Amino acid sequence: MDVGIGILDLNDYCLQRILHYVDIKGQISFAQTCARFRDVFHVWSRCEYSYVSIVGDVEPRELTLLSLVASSVRKLNIFADDLVSSFNDNYTDKKHHNVVSKFCNLIRSMDCLKSIKLWQVSPHPIVKHILRALRDLPRLRKLYLCIPMRITIDLSRSYRLNLFWTPRDLLRHCRSLCNLRTLHLSDDVSSSNLRDIVKQMPHLKDLSFYIDRSNKWSLFLCHQDTRNHLTRIFDFLASKRRLEVLRIKGEINADNEAKSLANIKTLKSLDCSFANPNFVIYLTELTSLRSLRITSLHGMDISATYLQVIRSCKDLKFLRIFDYNISPNFVSLAGKVLEEIESENTLHLRVHGRHSSHSLKEFKSNALDHKNLLFRSITATELLTLI
């Protein structure tokens, strides 16, 4: 009697192909069937679940699946508000603490996790628990935080509830994440405490943050300059860290801030904006730059300064300028500078300003005359990030 081929007779490749067409419930059942299926599922999950986002309604079966693929997750996005809402909908108050604890244990089991992004709107203790769970992960290198430092909720005309995520809370959790290489902070995180945070990260290479100019201290006007936290941040990065990538949202508006920024000689990529066009000249001191994104929206034409930057930064490969005063002639002058310094790189130049279709054609035609320069008009997506 002929016996047909059963699923156990299929090779691993065929089983992995089948997993592509199976829903979450089927994947869980497959992984729990036998030792061989569990091994096949584990190999398959390394590709399929290396990137996981926890967003929207999170069902209990999805958490079960996450426990099976935890060792495969390398990049994780968590929207804390959605997670908390799902826990409240699916579990009673008595089980809520136990579920949060199990979820944090799942995070602790992600030995291959390299990058995590945390979003939070309404403060909840679960974010603190998640940060604690990250402490001992051996491969974690990138942390993105988008959490409110303080949220005020009006309950009535007479009562107001203040919910805090204090700088001390953030500092305490960052202290245990000393292996981080990348730290990106949203505008909800005050830069006034940033130096204390980066002190805990000796291997930091990539940093982005928003400048916080709010005055939270009751000082007399004549003493307010002593609270120049931005200069202290730059001085610390210049002397104590070997930072390679820096993105700053907000304007650098003081001469001492611009000078301190120019002391971070290890920078290879910089994205910044200046309140005074005279500060741009300090960028000529950053001779290791390979990528520069600069915003200077003022009435003064500083094309000559940009050319000095190109002349000094001989390794520059990408230059994006957001400046209303750049004329098409700048492209030709930049090409000549590249020829003078005998640059071996092709400079990718992107310029945005108040340009007509005719002037854009001039930009592009001028760039065609120089082999070492490639001009591209700025994309709409890039423009939206600048506004």
Foldseek 3Di string as FASTA:
>chain_A
DDDDDDPVNDDLVVVLVVVVVDDLVVLLCQCPPDPVSVVSSQVSLLPVALEEEDDAADDPSNVVSLLSNLQNHAEYEYEPVRVLVNLPVPDDPVCSVVVLVVSLVSLLNNLNHAEYEYAYDDDDCSVLSNLVSPLPRPRHAYYEYHYAQWDWDDPDPVDIDIDGDHPVSVQVSLLSVQRYQEYEYEARDECLCVQSSCVSHQNHAAYEDEYDPDDPDPDDPVCPVVSPSLLVNLQCCLPRHLYAYYEYHDEDEDLSNLLSVLSNQNYQEYAHEYADPVSLLSLLSNQNHQYYHYEYEDDDDVLVSVLSSCLSNLNHAEYEYEYARDFLVSLLSSLVSCVVSVRPAQHEYEYDHPDDPVRVVSNQVSNVVHPSYHYDYDDPVVVVVND
